[in-house]
Amino acid sequence: MQRLGEFKLPAFFNYPPYFTLQPVRETREKQVQLWKELILDYCRNQKVFVVGLEEDFPLFSNPVIERSLSHEAKELFLSALVNEGRAEWMDKGHKKCLILWMRIQDWADYIVNFVKENGFEDSVMTVEDIRSGFESRGTDLAGIDRSVLMRALRLLEQKGKAAIFRGTSTDDEGVKFSV
């Protein structure tokens, strides 16, 4: 079984046809599904939030079998994630994609559980503490993309579970939780 760092790659990763868009509809649908799952699993495992189409992304090539995805294939697989709400294009030219390996609602739920498990109900935390504080270490919140975190916090604010305090800079934004 091939690995990419600590990440265990699926068997299809060594099968050259999966690096070429398949012409038969049923085969292509299976191919797209496998690539969507692989991209989400890898991004979650490696805490990757942004994938650039024109940047080196380890999954898009396999030097062992000397295969790489075409630009068209990369865009198709990422667009399939976008269509399912699991990713968003960050630009009109579809060059960068924000990968939502957890949907915003799931992040909001995760934050609520994190707050409860750590006794932060009715506490104030900075946004940076949530991303990089001691309590966040070893959790999915460690290193979370700031824009994803802010969207989840705004969702909690809309539900009355959090209040965001804006400071003079992004370093001093705070959140009071009331869950």
C-alpha atoms as a PDB file:
ATOM      1  CA  MET A   1       0.000   0.000   0.000  1.00  0.00           C
ATOM      2  CA  GLN A   2       1.431   3.326  -1.070  1.00  0.00           C
ATOM      3  CA  ARG A   3       1.586   6.215   1.392  1.00  0.00           C
ATOM      4  CA  LEU A   4       1.841   9.956   1.098  1.00  0.00           C
ATOM      5  CA  GLY A   5       3.532  10.833   4.366  1.00  0.00           C
ATOM      6  CA  GLU A   6       1.247   9.371   7.035  1.00  0.00           C
ATOM      7  CA  PHE A   7      -1.684   9.171   4.638  1.00  0.00           C
ATOM      8  CA  LYS A   8      -2.520   5.732   3.235  1.00  0.00           C
ATOM      9  CA  LEU A   9      -3.493   5.950  -0.425  1.00  0.00           C
ATOM     10  CA  PRO A  10      -6.308   3.788  -1.845  1.00  0.00           C
ATOM     11  CA  ALA A  11      -5.524   0.985  -4.308  1.00  0.00           C
ATOM     12  CA  PHE A  12      -6.951   2.908  -7.275  1.00  0.00           C
ATOM     13  CA  PHE A  13      -4.200   5.518  -6.878  1.00  0.00           C
ATOM     14  CA  ASN A  14      -1.816   3.056  -8.572  1.00  0.00           C
ATOM     15  CA  TYR A  15      -4.206   2.281 -11.417  1.00  0.00           C
ATOM     16  CA  PRO A  16      -3.194   4.475 -14.402  1.00  0.00           C
ATOM     17  CA  PRO A  17      -6.699   4.806 -15.952  1.00  0.00           C
ATOM     18  CA  TYR A  18      -7.901   6.706 -12.886  1.00  0.00           C
ATOM     19  CA  PHE A  19      -5.570   9.542 -13.842  1.00  0.00           C
ATOM     20  CA  THR A  20      -7.354   9.894 -17.204  1.00  0.00           C
ATOM     21  CA  LEU A  21     -10.960  11.056 -17.498  1.00  0.00           C
ATOM     22  CA  GLN A  22     -13.002   8.041 -18.432  1.00  0.00           C
ATOM     23  CA  PRO A  23     -15.284   8.339 -21.488  1.00  0.00           C
ATOM     24  CA  VAL A  24     -17.971   5.855 -20.342  1.00  0.00           C
ATOM     25  CA  ARG A  25     -20.501   7.658 -18.120  1.00  0.00           C
ATOM     26  CA  GLU A  26     -20.849   4.933 -15.443  1.00  0.00           C
ATOM     27  CA  THR A  27     -17.084   4.541 -15.166  1.00  0.00           C
ATOM     28  CA  ARG A  28     -16.568   8.295 -14.982  1.00  0.00           C
ATOM     29  CA  GLU A  29     -19.200   8.628 -12.224  1.00  0.00           C
ATOM     30  CA  LYS A  30     -17.357   6.000 -10.176  1.00  0.00           C
ATOM     31  CA  GLN A  31     -14.046   7.718 -10.924  1.00  0.00           C
ATOM     32  CA  VAL A  32     -15.397  11.103  -9.813  1.00  0.00           C
ATOM     33  CA  GLN A  33     -16.814   9.597  -6.608  1.00  0.00           C
ATOM     34  CA  LEU A  34     -13.499   7.935  -5.747  1.00  0.00           C
ATOM     35  CA  TRP A  35     -11.552  11.148  -6.362  1.00  0.00           C
ATOM     36  CA  LYS A  36     -14.007  13.236  -4.300  1.00  0.00           C
ATOM     37  CA  GLU A  37     -13.633  10.865  -1.355  1.00  0.00           C
ATOM     38  CA  LEU A  38      -9.847  10.784  -1.734  1.00  0.00           C
ATOM     39  CA  ILE A  39      -9.563  14.582  -1.850  1.00  0.00           C
ATOM     40  CA  LEU A  40     -11.783  15.029   1.227  1.00  0.00           C
ATOM     41  CA  ASP A  41     -10.010  12.271   3.194  1.00  0.00           C
ATOM     42  CA  TYR A  42      -6.556  13.592   2.333  1.00  0.00           C
ATOM     43  CA  CYS A  43      -7.445  17.214   3.096  1.00  0.00           C
ATOM     44  CA  ARG A  44      -8.928  16.247   6.451  1.00  0.00           C
ATOM     45  CA  ASN A  45      -5.966  14.041   7.337  1.00  0.00           C
ATOM     46  CA  GLN A  46      -3.423  16.684   6.329  1.00  0.00           C
ATOM     47  CA  LYS A  47      -5.536  19.699   7.402  1.00  0.00           C
ATOM     48  CA  VAL A  48      -5.471  21.157   3.900  1.00  0.00           C
ATOM     49  CA  PHE A  49      -8.097  23.813   3.239  1.00  0.00           C
ATOM     50  CA  VAL A  50      -7.047  25.304  -0.096  1.00  0.00           C
ATOM     51  CA  VAL A  51      -6.215  23.407  -3.263  1.00  0.00           C
ATOM     52  CA  GLY A  52      -4.795  25.328  -6.197  1.00  0.00           C
ATOM     53  CA  LEU A  53      -5.301  23.939  -9.680  1.00  0.00           C
ATOM     54  CA  GLU A  54      -2.022  25.342 -10.885  1.00  0.00           C
ATOM     55  CA  GLU A  55      -0.015  24.471  -7.776  1.00  0.00           C
ATOM     56  CA  ASP A  56       1.587  21.182  -6.832  1.00  0.00           C
ATOM     57  CA  PHE A  57      -0.960  19.141  -4.910  1.00  0.00           C
ATOM     58  CA  PRO A  58       0.374  15.692  -3.960  1.00  0.00           C
ATOM     59  CA  LEU A  59      -2.759  13.777  -4.941  1.00  0.00           C
ATOM     60  CA  PHE A  60      -2.836  15.083  -8.488  1.00  0.00           C
ATOM     61  CA  SER A  61       0.185  13.079  -9.605  1.00  0.00           C
ATOM     62  CA  ASN A  62       1.659   9.669  -8.921  1.00  0.00           C
ATOM     63  CA  PRO A  63       5.362   9.465  -9.787  1.00  0.00           C
ATOM     64  CA  VAL A  64       5.370   5.692  -9.115  1.00  0.00           C
ATOM     65  CA  ILE A  65       3.190   5.085 -12.190  1.00  0.00           C
ATOM     66  CA  GLU A  66       4.266   8.304 -13.947  1.00  0.00           C
ATOM     67  CA  ARG A  67       0.737   9.704 -14.160  1.00  0.00           C
ATOM     68  CA  SER A  68      -0.772  13.124 -13.456  1.00  0.00           C
ATOM     69  CA  LEU A  69      -4.277  14.467 -13.703  1.00  0.00           C
ATOM     70  CA  SER A  70      -5.024  16.881 -16.515  1.00  0.00           C
ATOM     71  CA  HIS A  71      -6.199  20.395 -15.682  1.00  0.00           C
ATOM     72  CA  GLU A  72      -9.645  19.359 -16.943  1.00  0.00           C
ATOM     73  CA  ALA A  73      -9.753  16.358 -14.582  1.00  0.00           C
ATOM     74  CA  LYS A  74      -8.646  18.405 -11.571  1.00  0.00           C
ATOM     75  CA  GLU A  75     -11.306  21.020 -12.281  1.00  0.00           C
ATOM     76  CA  LEU A  76     -13.976  18.337 -12.818  1.00  0.00           C
ATOM     77  CA  PHE A  77     -13.222  16.596  -9.509  1.00  0.00           C
ATOM     78  CA  LEU A  78     -13.112  19.859  -7.556  1.00  0.00           C
ATOM     79  CA  SER A  79     -16.279  21.119  -9.290  1.00  0.00           C
ATOM     80  CA  ALA A  80     -18.025  17.907  -8.228  1.00  0.00           C
ATOM     81  CA  LEU A  81     -17.121  18.755  -4.622  1.00  0.00           C
ATOM     82  CA  VAL A  82     -18.375  22.325  -5.147  1.00  0.00           C
ATOM     83  CA  ASN A  83     -21.680  20.990  -6.503  1.00  0.00           C
ATOM     84  CA  GLU A  84     -22.131  18.932  -3.316  1.00  0.00           C
ATOM     85  CA  GLY A  85     -21.353  21.864  -1.022  1.00  0.00           C
ATOM     86  CA  ARG A  86     -18.047  20.280   0.053  1.00  0.00           C
ATOM     87  CA  ALA A  87     -15.889  22.961  -1.593  1.00  0.00           C
ATOM     88  CA  GLU A  88     -16.108  26.503  -2.967  1.00  0.00           C
ATOM     89  CA  TRP A  89     -14.210  28.208  -5.724  1.00  0.00           C
ATOM     90  CA  MET A  90     -12.254  31.094  -4.239  1.00  0.00           C
ATOM     91  CA  ASP A  91     -11.978  32.989  -7.518  1.00  0.00           C
ATOM     92  CA  LYS A  92     -13.925  33.447 -10.739  1.00  0.00           C
ATOM     93  CA  GLY A  93     -11.210  31.750 -12.793  1.00  0.00           C
ATOM     94  CA  HIS A  94     -11.490  28.510 -10.782  1.00  0.00           C
ATOM     95  CA  LYS A  95      -7.806  28.468  -9.887  1.00  0.00           C
ATOM     96  CA  LYS A  96      -8.163  27.971  -6.104  1.00  0.00           C
ATOM     97  CA  CYS A  97     -10.693  25.898  -4.234  1.00  0.00           C
ATOM     98  CA  LEU A  98     -11.602  26.019  -0.530  1.00  0.00           C
ATOM     99  CA  ILE A  99     -12.128  22.424   0.583  1.00  0.00           C
ATOM    100  CA  LEU A 100     -14.851  21.975   3.203  1.00  0.00           C
ATOM    101  CA  TRP A 101     -13.955  18.555   4.542  1.00  0.00           C
ATOM    102  CA  MET A 102     -16.465  19.475   7.218  1.00  0.00           C
ATOM    103  CA  ARG A 103     -19.424  21.579   6.173  1.00  0.00           C
ATOM    104  CA  ILE A 104     -19.849  24.945   7.930  1.00  0.00           C
ATOM    105  CA  GLN A 105     -22.766  23.558   9.982  1.00  0.00           C
ATOM    106  CA  ASP A 106     -20.573  20.623  11.026  1.00  0.00           C
ATOM    107  CA  TRP A 107     -17.805  23.028  12.058  1.00  0.00           C
ATOM    108  CA  ALA A 108     -20.329  25.000  14.111  1.00  0.00           C
ATOM    109  CA  ASP A 109     -21.460  21.788  15.849  1.00  0.00           C
ATOM    110  CA  TYR A 110     -17.829  20.804  16.412  1.00  0.00           C
ATOM    111  CA  ILE A 111     -17.119  24.186  18.019  1.00  0.00           C
ATOM    112  CA  VAL A 112     -20.137  23.829  20.334  1.00  0.00           C
ATOM    113  CA  ASN A 113     -18.880  20.398  21.440  1.00  0.00           C
ATOM    114  CA  PHE A 114     -15.348  21.787  21.886  1.00  0.00           C
ATOM    115  CA  VAL A 115     -16.704  24.630  24.033  1.00  0.00           C
ATOM    116  CA  LYS A 116     -18.744  22.242  26.205  1.00  0.00           C
ATOM    117  CA  GLU A 117     -15.945  19.663  26.567  1.00  0.00           C
ATOM    118  CA  ASN A 118     -13.476  22.346  27.667  1.00  0.00           C
ATOM    119  CA  GLY A 119     -15.853  24.240  29.973  1.00  0.00           C
ATOM    120  CA  PHE A 120     -15.866  27.438  27.899  1.00  0.00           C
ATOM    121  CA  GLU A 121     -19.594  28.063  28.200  1.00  0.00           C
ATOM    122  CA  ASP A 122     -20.112  31.750  28.998  1.00  0.00           C
ATOM    123  CA  SER A 123     -16.392  32.348  28.354  1.00  0.00           C
ATOM    124  CA  VAL A 124     -14.654  34.690  25.969  1.00  0.00           C
ATOM    125  CA  MET A 125     -11.917  33.386  23.674  1.00  0.00           C
ATOM    126  CA  THR A 126      -9.971  35.072  20.930  1.00  0.00           C
ATOM    127  CA  VAL A 127     -10.373  33.718  17.430  1.00  0.00           C
ATOM    128  CA  GLU A 128      -6.646  32.961  17.404  1.00  0.00           C
ATOM    129  CA  ASP A 129      -6.969  30.950  20.634  1.00  0.00           C
ATOM    130  CA  ILE A 130      -9.576  28.776  18.941  1.00  0.00           C
ATOM    131  CA  ARG A 131      -7.229  28.204  15.985  1.00  0.00           C
ATOM    132  CA  SER A 132      -3.962  27.822  17.828  1.00  0.00           C
ATOM    133  CA  GLY A 133      -4.511  27.796  21.593  1.00  0.00           C
ATOM    134  CA  PHE A 134      -3.438  25.069  23.988  1.00  0.00           C
ATOM    135  CA  GLU A 135      -6.920  23.535  24.174  1.00  0.00           C
ATOM    136  CA  SER A 136      -7.157  23.323  20.379  1.00  0.00           C
ATOM    137  CA  ARG A 137      -4.010  21.245  19.994  1.00  0.00           C
ATOM    138  CA  GLY A 138      -4.774  17.794  18.674  1.00  0.00           C
ATOM    139  CA  THR A 139      -8.284  18.792  17.576  1.00  0.00           C
ATOM    140  CA  ASP A 140      -9.670  19.574  14.130  1.00  0.00           C
ATOM    141  CA  LEU A 141      -9.736  23.247  15.170  1.00  0.00           C
ATOM    142  CA  ALA A 142      -5.932  23.423  15.323  1.00  0.00           C
ATOM    143  CA  GLY A 143      -4.882  25.396  12.268  1.00  0.00           C
ATOM    144  CA  ILE A 144      -8.399  25.745  10.886  1.00  0.00           C
ATOM    145  CA  ASP A 145      -8.667  28.132   7.954  1.00  0.00           C
ATOM    146  CA  ARG A 146      -9.639  31.518   9.376  1.00  0.00           C
ATOM    147  CA  SER A 147     -12.429  32.139   6.867  1.00  0.00           C
ATOM    148  CA  VAL A 148     -13.991  28.725   7.615  1.00  0.00           C
ATOM    149  CA  LEU A 149     -13.789  29.388  11.363  1.00  0.00           C
ATOM    150  CA  MET A 150     -15.339  32.852  11.020  1.00  0.00           C
ATOM    151  CA  ARG A 151     -18.218  31.484   8.942  1.00  0.00           C
ATOM    152  CA  ALA A 152     -18.907  28.802  11.554  1.00  0.00           C
ATOM    153  CA  LEU A 153     -18.751  31.408  14.340  1.00  0.00           C
ATOM    154  CA  ARG A 154     -21.138  33.718  12.435  1.00  0.00           C
ATOM    155  CA  LEU A 155     -23.533  30.780  12.077  1.00  0.00           C
ATOM    156  CA  LEU A 156     -23.355  30.229  15.843  1.00  0.00           C
ATOM    157  CA  GLU A 157     -23.910  33.952  16.342  1.00  0.00           C
ATOM    158  CA  GLN A 158     -27.056  33.810  14.177  1.00  0.00           C
ATOM    159  CA  LYS A 159     -28.306  30.946  16.357  1.00  0.00           C
ATOM    160  CA  GLY A 160     -27.629  32.917  19.554  1.00  0.00           C
ATOM    161  CA  LYS A 161     -24.876  30.554  20.712  1.00  0.00           C
ATOM    162  CA  ALA A 162     -22.003  32.993  20.293  1.00  0.00           C
ATOM    163  CA  ALA A 163     -21.297  36.710  20.142  1.00  0.00           C
ATOM    164  CA  ILE A 164     -18.365  37.896  18.039  1.00  0.00           C
ATOM    165  CA  PHE A 165     -16.483  40.957  19.252  1.00  0.00           C
ATOM    166  CA  ARG A 166     -14.528  42.758  16.599  1.00  0.00           C
ATOM    167  CA  GLY A 167     -11.320  44.398  17.688  1.00  0.00           C
ATOM    168  CA  THR A 168      -9.096  46.896  15.952  1.00  0.00           C
ATOM    169  CA  SER A 169      -7.264  44.071  14.158  1.00  0.00           C
ATOM    170  CA  THR A 170      -7.906  40.439  13.332  1.00  0.00           C
ATOM    171  CA  ASP A 171      -5.578  39.450  16.191  1.00  0.00           C
ATOM    172  CA  ASP A 172      -7.936  40.767  18.836  1.00  0.00           C
ATOM    173  CA  GLU A 173     -11.291  39.458  17.632  1.00  0.00           C
ATOM    174  CA  GLY A 174     -13.068  37.590  20.384  1.00  0.00           C
ATOM    175  CA  VAL A 175     -16.019  35.282  20.814  1.00  0.00           C
ATOM    176  CA  LYS A 176     -18.273  34.809  23.800  1.00  0.00           C
ATOM    177  CA  PHE A 177     -20.021  31.473  23.841  1.00  0.00           C
ATOM    178  CA  SER A 178     -23.422  30.897  25.398  1.00  0.00           C
ATOM    179  CA  VAL A 179     -24.225  27.289  24.669  1.00  0.00           C
END
